[in-house]
Amino acid sequence: MKGKFIVFEGIDGSGKTTVSKATAERLKSHRTSVLWHREPTDGKIGLEIRKFLRKEIHWSKQEQLDAFFLDRRDSIDTTIEPNLKNGVHIVQDRYFYSTAAYQGNAEFSPQSILERSLQSGFPVPDYLFFLDIDPKEAEKRREKRNESKEAFDDLILQEQIYSNYQKILPSSTIRLDARRTPEELVEECMERLK
């Protein structure tokens, strides 16, 4: 039986990494074969993207898009598709919806980026969770982390990204109130995944 592709999306500070990892662990505790995965990946291109996110290198929007698409194609070919075919469920932190939301602007609309992803043949998730939180609340969370600011770590940018998400998320998206505790969110995810 083919594995399920479960994707978590949200703006920075929404808690999606915490909740996606915890959901993967809960699924594993049910003796389910699960792989937690993320974008950008830890592959060669993904590591370059992380340098960009840390502001160590500068890229144009086109270069950003090209890098994310290359990283994703490699990820799908080497990790996602082979595991799904072998019955392993993939729980993924970020996917092509993030690229549409984060790289979308006047030059490249979020809708056109999403369309390019679909035309590229990237698999559509079986479950798409969106951790919904007000960008100002998410900013407070990020400030508590006391980490270095990244390329998109700005309230105005995060508000634009949040707006972009609202334009491109499909109607089947499972929206979670990210103000709730991680434990409560994982419980809701497990209920939905039953």
N, C-alpha and C. Protein backbone atom coordinates (compact mmCIF):
# COMPACT_ATOMS: atom_id res chain seq x y z
N MET A 1 0.85 -1.18 0.00
CA MET A 1 0.00 0.00 0.00
C MET A 1 0.89 1.24 0.00
N LYS A 2 0.54 2.21 -0.82
CA LYS A 2 1.34 3.43 -0.93
C LYS A 2 1.22 4.26 0.35
N GLY A 3 2.33 4.89 0.73
CA GLY A 3 2.32 5.75 1.91
C GLY A 3 1.56 7.04 1.65
N LYS A 4 1.22 7.73 2.71
CA LYS A 4 0.52 9.01 2.62
C LYS A 4 1.52 10.15 2.71
N PHE A 5 1.24 11.20 1.97
CA PHE A 5 2.10 12.38 1.93
C PHE A 5 1.40 13.47 2.74
N ILE A 6 1.99 13.81 3.89
CA ILE A 6 1.38 14.72 4.86
C ILE A 6 2.26 15.96 4.98
N VAL A 7 1.72 17.11 4.62
CA VAL A 7 2.51 18.34 4.57
C VAL A 7 2.00 19.36 5.59
N PHE A 8 2.94 20.02 6.25
CA PHE A 8 2.65 21.09 7.21
C PHE A 8 3.17 22.41 6.66
N GLU A 9 2.32 23.43 6.68
CA GLU A 9 2.68 24.76 6.20
C GLU A 9 2.35 25.79 7.27
N GLY A 10 2.98 26.96 7.16
CA GLY A 10 2.70 28.06 8.08
C GLY A 10 3.81 29.09 8.01
N ILE A 11 3.52 30.28 8.48
CA ILE A 11 4.55 31.33 8.50
C ILE A 11 5.58 31.01 9.58
N ASP A 12 6.69 31.74 9.57
CA ASP A 12 7.73 31.54 10.58
C ASP A 12 7.17 31.84 11.97
N GLY A 13 7.39 30.92 12.90
CA GLY A 13 6.89 31.11 14.26
C GLY A 13 5.52 30.50 14.49
N SER A 14 4.99 29.79 13.49
CA SER A 14 3.66 29.18 13.65
C SER A 14 3.72 27.88 14.44
N GLY A 15 4.90 27.29 14.53
CA GLY A 15 5.05 26.03 15.27
C GLY A 15 5.00 24.80 14.39
N LYS A 16 5.06 24.98 13.06
CA LYS A 16 4.88 23.83 12.18
C LYS A 16 6.00 22.80 12.28
N THR A 17 7.23 23.21 12.54
CA THR A 17 8.32 22.23 12.68
C THR A 17 8.10 21.38 13.93
N THR A 18 7.78 22.03 15.03
CA THR A 18 7.52 21.32 16.29
C THR A 18 6.36 20.34 16.13
N VAL A 19 5.26 20.83 15.55
CA VAL A 19 4.05 19.99 15.43
C VAL A 19 4.25 18.88 14.40
N SER A 20 4.93 19.17 13.30
CA SER A 20 5.15 18.12 12.29
C SER A 20 6.05 17.02 12.84
N LYS A 21 7.11 17.39 13.54
CA LYS A 21 8.00 16.38 14.14
C LYS A 21 7.26 15.54 15.17
N ALA A 22 6.48 16.20 16.02
CA ALA A 22 5.74 15.47 17.07
C ALA A 22 4.68 14.56 16.46
N THR A 23 4.05 15.00 15.38
CA THR A 23 3.06 14.16 14.70
C THR A 23 3.73 12.93 14.10
N ALA A 24 4.90 13.13 13.50
CA ALA A 24 5.65 11.99 12.94
C ALA A 24 5.99 10.99 14.04
N GLU A 25 6.42 11.50 15.20
CA GLU A 25 6.77 10.61 16.31
C GLU A 25 5.55 9.84 16.82
N ARG A 26 4.40 10.52 16.89
CA ARG A 26 3.17 9.85 17.32
C ARG A 26 2.77 8.74 16.34
N LEU A 27 2.91 9.03 15.04
CA LEU A 27 2.60 8.01 14.04
C LEU A 27 3.54 6.81 14.18
N LYS A 28 4.82 7.09 14.43
CA LYS A 28 5.79 6.00 14.63
C LYS A 28 5.43 5.15 15.84
N SER A 29 4.90 5.79 16.88
CA SER A 29 4.54 5.04 18.10
C SER A 29 3.39 4.07 17.85
N HIS A 30 2.68 4.25 16.74
CA HIS A 30 1.61 3.32 16.35
C HIS A 30 2.15 2.25 15.40
N ARG A 31 3.46 2.08 15.42
CA ARG A 31 4.16 1.10 14.56
C ARG A 31 3.90 1.36 13.08
N THR A 32 3.82 2.63 12.77
CA THR A 32 3.64 3.05 11.38
C THR A 32 5.00 3.46 10.84
N SER A 33 5.26 3.09 9.59
CA SER A 33 6.52 3.47 8.96
C SER A 33 6.42 4.92 8.49
N VAL A 34 7.23 5.78 9.10
CA VAL A 34 7.11 7.23 8.87
C VAL A 34 8.50 7.84 8.69
N LEU A 35 8.58 8.81 7.78
CA LEU A 35 9.80 9.59 7.63
C LEU A 35 9.45 11.06 7.75
N TRP A 36 10.11 11.76 8.69
CA TRP A 36 9.95 13.22 8.77
C TRP A 36 10.95 13.84 7.80
N HIS A 37 10.47 14.79 7.01
CA HIS A 37 11.30 15.39 5.94
C HIS A 37 11.04 16.90 5.94
N ARG A 38 11.92 17.66 5.31
CA ARG A 38 11.72 19.10 5.29
C ARG A 38 12.26 19.73 4.01
N GLU A 39 11.75 20.92 3.75
CA GLU A 39 12.30 21.79 2.71
C GLU A 39 12.66 23.11 3.35
N PRO A 40 13.78 23.70 2.96
CA PRO A 40 14.80 23.12 2.10
C PRO A 40 15.37 21.84 2.72
N THR A 41 15.87 20.95 1.84
CA THR A 41 16.41 19.68 2.31
C THR A 41 17.83 19.87 2.86
N ASP A 42 18.43 18.77 3.24
CA ASP A 42 19.83 18.80 3.68
C ASP A 42 20.77 18.40 2.56
N GLY A 43 20.23 18.37 1.32
CA GLY A 43 21.06 18.08 0.15
C GLY A 43 21.90 19.28 -0.25
N LYS A 44 22.67 19.12 -1.30
CA LYS A 44 23.61 20.16 -1.74
C LYS A 44 22.89 21.48 -2.03
N ILE A 45 21.79 21.43 -2.77
CA ILE A 45 21.07 22.66 -3.12
C ILE A 45 20.36 23.21 -1.88
N GLY A 46 19.79 22.32 -1.09
CA GLY A 46 19.11 22.75 0.13
C GLY A 46 20.04 23.49 1.08
N LEU A 47 21.28 23.04 1.17
CA LEU A 47 22.25 23.71 2.04
C LEU A 47 22.59 25.10 1.51
N GLU A 48 22.62 25.25 0.17
CA GLU A 48 22.83 26.58 -0.41
C GLU A 48 21.65 27.49 -0.10
N ILE A 49 20.43 26.93 -0.16
CA ILE A 49 19.24 27.72 0.17
C ILE A 49 19.32 28.19 1.61
N ARG A 50 19.79 27.34 2.50
CA ARG A 50 19.91 27.72 3.91
C ARG A 50 20.91 28.86 4.08
N LYS A 51 21.96 28.87 3.27
CA LYS A 51 22.90 30.01 3.30
C LYS A 51 22.18 31.29 2.90
N PHE A 52 21.34 31.20 1.86
CA PHE A 52 20.56 32.37 1.45
C PHE A 52 19.64 32.83 2.58
N LEU A 53 18.97 31.88 3.23
CA LEU A 53 18.04 32.23 4.31
C LEU A 53 18.76 32.89 5.48
N ARG A 54 20.02 32.48 5.72
CA ARG A 54 20.82 33.09 6.79
C ARG A 54 21.46 34.41 6.34
N LYS A 55 21.18 34.82 5.10
CA LYS A 55 21.69 36.06 4.51
C LYS A 55 23.20 36.03 4.29
N GLU A 56 23.74 34.82 4.07
CA GLU A 56 25.17 34.69 3.77
C GLU A 56 25.44 34.94 2.30
N ILE A 57 24.41 34.71 1.46
CA ILE A 57 24.51 34.98 0.02
C ILE A 57 23.24 35.72 -0.41
N HIS A 58 23.31 36.43 -1.52
CA HIS A 58 22.13 37.15 -2.03
C HIS A 58 21.69 36.52 -3.33
N TRP A 59 20.37 36.30 -3.48
CA TRP A 59 19.81 35.76 -4.71
C TRP A 59 18.65 36.63 -5.17
N SER A 60 18.49 36.71 -6.48
CA SER A 60 17.30 37.35 -7.05
C SER A 60 16.11 36.41 -6.83
N LYS A 61 14.90 36.91 -7.05
CA LYS A 61 13.71 36.06 -6.93
C LYS A 61 13.80 34.86 -7.88
N GLN A 62 14.29 35.10 -9.11
CA GLN A 62 14.41 34.00 -10.07
C GLN A 62 15.39 32.94 -9.56
N GLU A 63 16.51 33.38 -9.01
CA GLU A 63 17.49 32.42 -8.47
C GLU A 63 16.90 31.66 -7.29
N GLN A 64 16.12 32.34 -6.45
CA GLN A 64 15.46 31.66 -5.32
C GLN A 64 14.53 30.57 -5.84
N LEU A 65 13.68 30.95 -6.80
CA LEU A 65 12.72 29.99 -7.35
C LEU A 65 13.43 28.79 -7.98
N ASP A 66 14.45 29.06 -8.79
CA ASP A 66 15.18 27.98 -9.45
C ASP A 66 15.78 27.02 -8.42
N ALA A 67 16.36 27.57 -7.36
CA ALA A 67 16.98 26.73 -6.33
C ALA A 67 15.94 25.87 -5.62
N PHE A 68 14.81 26.47 -5.24
CA PHE A 68 13.77 25.69 -4.55
C PHE A 68 13.22 24.59 -5.45
N PHE A 69 13.02 24.89 -6.73
CA PHE A 69 12.48 23.87 -7.64
C PHE A 69 13.48 22.73 -7.85
N LEU A 70 14.77 23.06 -7.97
CA LEU A 70 15.79 22.01 -8.13
C LEU A 70 15.89 21.14 -6.87
N ASP A 71 15.88 21.80 -5.71
CA ASP A 71 15.95 21.06 -4.45
C ASP A 71 14.75 20.13 -4.31
N ARG A 72 13.58 20.63 -4.67
CA ARG A 72 12.35 19.83 -4.57
C ARG A 72 12.36 18.66 -5.53
N ARG A 73 12.79 18.89 -6.77
CA ARG A 73 12.83 17.80 -7.76
C ARG A 73 13.73 16.68 -7.26
N ASP A 74 14.90 17.05 -6.74
CA ASP A 74 15.82 16.04 -6.21
C ASP A 74 15.19 15.32 -5.02
N SER A 75 14.54 16.06 -4.15
CA SER A 75 13.89 15.49 -2.97
C SER A 75 12.79 14.50 -3.36
N ILE A 76 11.98 14.88 -4.34
CA ILE A 76 10.90 14.00 -4.79
C ILE A 76 11.46 12.73 -5.41
N ASP A 77 12.47 12.89 -6.26
CA ASP A 77 13.03 11.73 -6.96
C ASP A 77 13.79 10.77 -6.05
N THR A 78 14.51 11.32 -5.06
CA THR A 78 15.37 10.46 -4.24
C THR A 78 14.77 10.05 -2.89
N THR A 79 13.81 10.83 -2.38
CA THR A 79 13.29 10.56 -1.04
C THR A 79 11.78 10.36 -1.01
N ILE A 80 11.02 11.33 -1.51
CA ILE A 80 9.57 11.28 -1.35
C ILE A 80 8.93 10.13 -2.12
N GLU A 81 9.09 10.12 -3.44
CA GLU A 81 8.44 9.07 -4.26
C GLU A 81 8.89 7.66 -3.89
N PRO A 82 10.21 7.39 -3.74
CA PRO A 82 10.60 6.02 -3.39
C PRO A 82 10.00 5.56 -2.06
N ASN A 83 9.98 6.45 -1.06
CA ASN A 83 9.42 6.06 0.24
C ASN A 83 7.91 5.85 0.17
N LEU A 84 7.20 6.76 -0.51
CA LEU A 84 5.75 6.58 -0.64
C LEU A 84 5.42 5.27 -1.35
N LYS A 85 6.18 4.93 -2.40
CA LYS A 85 5.94 3.68 -3.13
C LYS A 85 6.17 2.46 -2.25
N ASN A 86 7.08 2.59 -1.28
CA ASN A 86 7.37 1.48 -0.37
C ASN A 86 6.49 1.46 0.87
N GLY A 87 5.44 2.28 0.87
CA GLY A 87 4.49 2.27 1.98
C GLY A 87 4.88 3.11 3.17
N VAL A 88 5.92 3.92 3.01
CA VAL A 88 6.35 4.80 4.11
C VAL A 88 5.57 6.11 4.02
N HIS A 89 5.01 6.54 5.14
CA HIS A 89 4.31 7.83 5.18
C HIS A 89 5.36 8.94 5.34
N ILE A 90 5.19 10.01 4.57
CA ILE A 90 6.09 11.16 4.66
C ILE A 90 5.37 12.28 5.40
N VAL A 91 5.98 12.77 6.48
CA VAL A 91 5.49 13.96 7.18
C VAL A 91 6.48 15.05 6.86
N GLN A 92 6.02 16.07 6.13
CA GLN A 92 6.96 17.07 5.61
C GLN A 92 6.69 18.47 6.15
N ASP A 93 7.78 19.12 6.54
CA ASP A 93 7.79 20.50 7.01
C ASP A 93 8.10 21.39 5.80
N ARG A 94 7.09 22.05 5.26
CA ARG A 94 7.14 22.94 4.09
C ARG A 94 7.17 22.15 2.78
N TYR A 95 6.52 22.79 1.77
CA TYR A 95 6.48 22.17 0.43
C TYR A 95 6.27 23.29 -0.58
N PHE A 96 5.70 22.99 -1.74
CA PHE A 96 5.63 24.03 -2.77
C PHE A 96 4.71 25.19 -2.42
N TYR A 97 3.82 25.01 -1.45
CA TYR A 97 2.98 26.12 -1.01
C TYR A 97 3.85 27.21 -0.35
N SER A 98 4.89 26.79 0.36
CA SER A 98 5.82 27.75 0.96
C SER A 98 6.52 28.57 -0.11
N THR A 99 6.96 27.91 -1.17
CA THR A 99 7.65 28.63 -2.24
C THR A 99 6.73 29.68 -2.84
N ALA A 100 5.47 29.31 -3.08
CA ALA A 100 4.50 30.26 -3.65
C ALA A 100 4.26 31.43 -2.69
N ALA A 101 4.16 31.12 -1.38
CA ALA A 101 3.88 32.17 -0.39
C ALA A 101 5.09 33.06 -0.14
N TYR A 102 6.28 32.48 -0.03
CA TYR A 102 7.47 33.24 0.33
C TYR A 102 8.11 33.97 -0.86
N GLN A 103 8.09 33.34 -2.03
CA GLN A 103 8.73 33.97 -3.19
C GLN A 103 7.73 34.79 -4.03
N GLY A 104 6.45 34.66 -3.73
CA GLY A 104 5.43 35.39 -4.48
C GLY A 104 5.54 36.90 -4.25
N ASN A 105 5.49 37.65 -5.36
CA ASN A 105 5.53 39.12 -5.28
C ASN A 105 4.91 39.68 -6.56
N ALA A 106 5.13 40.95 -6.83
CA ALA A 106 4.54 41.58 -8.03
C ALA A 106 5.09 40.96 -9.31
N GLU A 107 6.35 40.54 -9.27
CA GLU A 107 6.98 39.96 -10.46
C GLU A 107 6.53 38.52 -10.70
N PHE A 108 6.47 37.73 -9.64
CA PHE A 108 6.04 36.33 -9.71
C PHE A 108 4.88 36.15 -8.73
N SER A 109 3.67 36.09 -9.23
CA SER A 109 2.52 35.96 -8.33
C SER A 109 2.55 34.60 -7.64
N PRO A 110 2.01 34.52 -6.40
CA PRO A 110 1.96 33.22 -5.73
C PRO A 110 1.19 32.18 -6.55
N GLN A 111 0.15 32.63 -7.24
CA GLN A 111 -0.65 31.71 -8.05
C GLN A 111 0.17 31.14 -9.21
N SER A 112 1.00 31.97 -9.85
CA SER A 112 1.82 31.49 -10.98
C SER A 112 2.89 30.51 -10.50
N ILE A 113 3.43 30.75 -9.31
CA ILE A 113 4.44 29.83 -8.75
C ILE A 113 3.78 28.49 -8.41
N LEU A 114 2.58 28.55 -7.83
CA LEU A 114 1.85 27.33 -7.52
C LEU A 114 1.55 26.56 -8.81
N GLU A 115 1.11 27.26 -9.84
CA GLU A 115 0.79 26.62 -11.12
C GLU A 115 2.03 25.95 -11.70
N ARG A 116 3.17 26.62 -11.62
CA ARG A 116 4.42 26.03 -12.12
C ARG A 116 4.74 24.74 -11.36
N SER A 117 4.49 24.73 -10.06
CA SER A 117 4.73 23.52 -9.25
C SER A 117 3.84 22.38 -9.71
N LEU A 118 2.58 22.67 -9.94
CA LEU A 118 1.64 21.64 -10.38
C LEU A 118 2.00 21.13 -11.78
N GLN A 119 2.40 22.05 -12.65
CA GLN A 119 2.78 21.65 -14.01
C GLN A 119 4.09 20.85 -14.01
N SER A 120 4.91 21.02 -12.97
CA SER A 120 6.17 20.27 -12.87
C SER A 120 5.94 18.82 -12.46
N GLY A 121 4.69 18.50 -12.12
CA GLY A 121 4.37 17.13 -11.74
C GLY A 121 4.72 16.78 -10.31
N PHE A 122 4.92 17.80 -9.47
CA PHE A 122 5.19 17.53 -8.06
C PHE A 122 3.92 16.92 -7.44
N PRO A 123 4.07 15.85 -6.67
CA PRO A 123 2.87 15.22 -6.10
C PRO A 123 2.12 16.14 -5.14
N VAL A 124 0.80 16.06 -5.21
CA VAL A 124 -0.06 16.86 -4.32
C VAL A 124 -0.19 16.09 -3.01
N PRO A 125 -0.09 16.77 -1.86
CA PRO A 125 -0.20 16.06 -0.57
C PRO A 125 -1.57 15.39 -0.39
N ASP A 126 -1.55 14.29 0.35
CA ASP A 126 -2.81 13.64 0.75
C ASP A 126 -3.47 14.44 1.86
N TYR A 127 -2.65 15.03 2.72
CA TYR A 127 -3.13 15.88 3.82
C TYR A 127 -2.27 17.13 3.84
N LEU A 128 -2.93 18.28 3.91
CA LEU A 128 -2.22 19.56 4.00
C LEU A 128 -2.71 20.31 5.23
N PHE A 129 -1.82 20.47 6.21
CA PHE A 129 -2.14 21.20 7.44
C PHE A 129 -1.53 22.59 7.35
N PHE A 130 -2.31 23.60 7.73
CA PHE A 130 -1.81 24.97 7.80
C PHE A 130 -1.97 25.47 9.22
N LEU A 131 -0.83 25.78 9.87
CA LEU A 131 -0.86 26.31 11.23
C LEU A 131 -1.12 27.80 11.14
N ASP A 132 -2.32 28.18 11.48
CA ASP A 132 -2.81 29.55 11.28
C ASP A 132 -2.56 30.40 12.53
N ILE A 133 -1.81 31.48 12.33
CA ILE A 133 -1.50 32.39 13.44
C ILE A 133 -1.33 33.80 12.88
N ASP A 134 -1.71 34.79 13.66
CA ASP A 134 -1.53 36.18 13.26
C ASP A 134 -0.02 36.47 13.17
N PRO A 135 0.44 37.13 12.10
CA PRO A 135 1.87 37.42 11.95
C PRO A 135 2.48 38.16 13.14
N LYS A 136 1.71 39.03 13.80
CA LYS A 136 2.26 39.75 14.96
C LYS A 136 2.51 38.80 16.13
N GLU A 137 1.61 37.85 16.32
CA GLU A 137 1.80 36.84 17.37
C GLU A 137 3.00 35.95 17.05
N ALA A 138 3.14 35.58 15.79
CA ALA A 138 4.28 34.75 15.38
C ALA A 138 5.59 35.51 15.58
N GLU A 139 5.58 36.82 15.34
CA GLU A 139 6.79 37.62 15.54
C GLU A 139 7.22 37.58 17.01
N LYS A 140 6.25 37.67 17.93
CA LYS A 140 6.58 37.60 19.36
C LYS A 140 7.25 36.27 19.69
N ARG A 141 6.76 35.21 19.10
CA ARG A 141 7.36 33.89 19.33
C ARG A 141 8.80 33.85 18.80
N ARG A 142 9.02 34.39 17.61
CA ARG A 142 10.36 34.37 17.03
C ARG A 142 11.34 35.18 17.87
N GLU A 143 10.86 36.30 18.43
CA GLU A 143 11.73 37.14 19.27
C GLU A 143 12.16 36.39 20.52
N LYS A 144 11.29 35.53 21.06
CA LYS A 144 11.62 34.75 22.26
C LYS A 144 12.69 33.71 21.98
N ARG A 145 12.81 33.29 20.72
CA ARG A 145 13.80 32.26 20.37
C ARG A 145 15.23 32.77 20.50
N ASN A 146 15.40 34.07 20.37
CA ASN A 146 16.73 34.68 20.47
C ASN A 146 17.70 34.10 19.44
N GLU A 147 17.22 33.92 18.21
CA GLU A 147 18.05 33.40 17.13
C GLU A 147 18.39 34.54 16.16
N SER A 148 19.36 34.31 15.30
CA SER A 148 19.71 35.29 14.27
C SER A 148 18.53 35.48 13.33
N LYS A 149 18.34 36.71 12.88
CA LYS A 149 17.25 36.98 11.93
C LYS A 149 17.60 36.39 10.58
N GLU A 150 16.56 35.82 9.93
CA GLU A 150 16.75 35.25 8.60
C GLU A 150 16.18 36.18 7.53
N ALA A 151 16.32 35.78 6.28
CA ALA A 151 15.96 36.62 5.14
C ALA A 151 14.51 37.11 5.17
N PHE A 152 13.58 36.32 5.70
CA PHE A 152 12.17 36.70 5.68
C PHE A 152 11.65 37.08 7.07
N ASP A 153 12.56 37.29 8.00
CA ASP A 153 12.19 37.54 9.40
C ASP A 153 11.89 39.02 9.62
N ASP A 154 10.79 39.46 9.04
CA ASP A 154 10.38 40.86 9.11
C ASP A 154 8.85 40.87 9.12
N LEU A 155 8.25 41.65 9.99
CA LEU A 155 6.80 41.61 10.15
C LEU A 155 6.07 41.94 8.85
N ILE A 156 6.51 42.95 8.12
CA ILE A 156 5.83 43.32 6.87
C ILE A 156 5.91 42.17 5.87
N LEU A 157 7.09 41.55 5.76
CA LEU A 157 7.24 40.39 4.87
C LEU A 157 6.35 39.24 5.31
N GLN A 158 6.32 38.97 6.61
CA GLN A 158 5.50 37.86 7.11
C GLN A 158 4.01 38.11 6.88
N GLU A 159 3.60 39.36 6.97
CA GLU A 159 2.19 39.69 6.67
C GLU A 159 1.88 39.44 5.19
N GLN A 160 2.83 39.77 4.31
CA GLN A 160 2.65 39.50 2.88
C GLN A 160 2.62 38.00 2.61
N ILE A 161 3.50 37.26 3.28
CA ILE A 161 3.55 35.81 3.12
C ILE A 161 2.24 35.17 3.60
N TYR A 162 1.74 35.65 4.74
CA TYR A 162 0.47 35.14 5.26
C TYR A 162 -0.65 35.40 4.24
N SER A 163 -0.66 36.61 3.68
CA SER A 163 -1.66 36.96 2.66
C SER A 163 -1.53 36.06 1.44
N ASN A 164 -0.30 35.79 1.01
CA ASN A 164 -0.06 34.91 -0.13
C ASN A 164 -0.60 33.50 0.14
N TYR A 165 -0.38 33.00 1.34
CA TYR A 165 -0.91 31.68 1.69
C TYR A 165 -2.43 31.66 1.49
N GLN A 166 -3.11 32.71 1.93
CA GLN A 166 -4.57 32.74 1.82
C GLN A 166 -5.03 32.68 0.37
N LYS A 167 -4.20 33.16 -0.54
CA LYS A 167 -4.55 33.16 -1.97
C LYS A 167 -4.36 31.79 -2.63
N ILE A 168 -3.48 30.96 -2.08
CA ILE A 168 -3.10 29.74 -2.82
C ILE A 168 -3.44 28.43 -2.11
N LEU A 169 -3.77 28.46 -0.83
CA LEU A 169 -4.08 27.20 -0.16
C LEU A 169 -5.38 26.63 -0.70
N PRO A 170 -5.40 25.32 -1.03
CA PRO A 170 -6.64 24.73 -1.56
C PRO A 170 -7.72 24.62 -0.49
N SER A 171 -8.96 24.44 -0.93
CA SER A 171 -10.09 24.37 0.01
C SER A 171 -10.00 23.15 0.92
N SER A 172 -9.25 22.14 0.49
CA SER A 172 -9.09 20.92 1.30
C SER A 172 -8.10 21.09 2.46
N THR A 173 -7.44 22.25 2.55
CA THR A 173 -6.46 22.50 3.61
C THR A 173 -7.10 22.37 4.99
N ILE A 174 -6.42 21.68 5.89
CA ILE A 174 -6.88 21.55 7.28
C ILE A 174 -6.20 22.67 8.06
N ARG A 175 -6.99 23.65 8.47
CA ARG A 175 -6.45 24.81 9.17
C ARG A 175 -6.48 24.55 10.68
N LEU A 176 -5.32 24.74 11.29
CA LEU A 176 -5.18 24.52 12.73
C LEU A 176 -4.93 25.85 13.43
N ASP A 177 -5.57 26.06 14.55
CA ASP A 177 -5.37 27.27 15.33
C ASP A 177 -4.03 27.14 16.06
N ALA A 178 -3.01 27.81 15.53
CA ALA A 178 -1.64 27.66 16.06
C ALA A 178 -1.44 28.31 17.41
N ARG A 179 -2.47 28.97 17.95
CA ARG A 179 -2.36 29.53 19.31
C ARG A 179 -2.50 28.43 20.36
N ARG A 180 -2.99 27.27 19.95
CA ARG A 180 -3.15 26.16 20.88
C ARG A 180 -1.79 25.53 21.18
N THR A 181 -1.74 24.69 22.21
CA THR A 181 -0.46 24.06 22.58
C THR A 181 -0.07 23.03 21.52
N PRO A 182 1.23 22.76 21.40
CA PRO A 182 1.67 21.72 20.46
C PRO A 182 0.97 20.38 20.72
N GLU A 183 0.78 20.04 21.99
CA GLU A 183 0.13 18.77 22.33
C GLU A 183 -1.30 18.71 21.79
N GLU A 184 -2.02 19.82 21.95
CA GLU A 184 -3.39 19.88 21.44
C GLU A 184 -3.42 19.78 19.91
N LEU A 185 -2.46 20.44 19.27
CA LEU A 185 -2.40 20.42 17.81
C LEU A 185 -2.07 19.03 17.29
N VAL A 186 -1.15 18.34 17.96
CA VAL A 186 -0.81 16.98 17.54
C VAL A 186 -2.03 16.07 17.69
N GLU A 187 -2.78 16.22 18.78
CA GLU A 187 -3.99 15.42 18.97
C GLU A 187 -4.97 15.65 17.82
N GLU A 188 -5.14 16.90 17.43
CA GLU A 188 -6.06 17.19 16.33
C GLU A 188 -5.56 16.58 15.03
N CYS A 189 -4.25 16.67 14.79
CA CYS A 189 -3.67 16.06 13.59
C CYS A 189 -3.92 14.55 13.56
N MET A 190 -3.70 13.91 14.70
CA MET A 190 -3.91 12.46 14.77
C MET A 190 -5.36 12.09 14.50
N GLU A 191 -6.27 12.91 15.03
CA GLU A 191 -7.71 12.66 14.77
C GLU A 191 -7.99 12.76 13.26
N ARG A 192 -7.44 13.78 12.64
CA ARG A 192 -7.67 13.97 11.20
C ARG A 192 -7.04 12.85 10.37
N LEU A 193 -5.90 12.34 10.83
CA LEU A 193 -5.19 11.31 10.07
C LEU A 193 -5.77 9.92 10.25
N LYS A 194 -6.66 9.74 11.22
CA LYS A 194 -7.29 8.43 11.40
C LYS A 194 -8.11 8.04 10.19
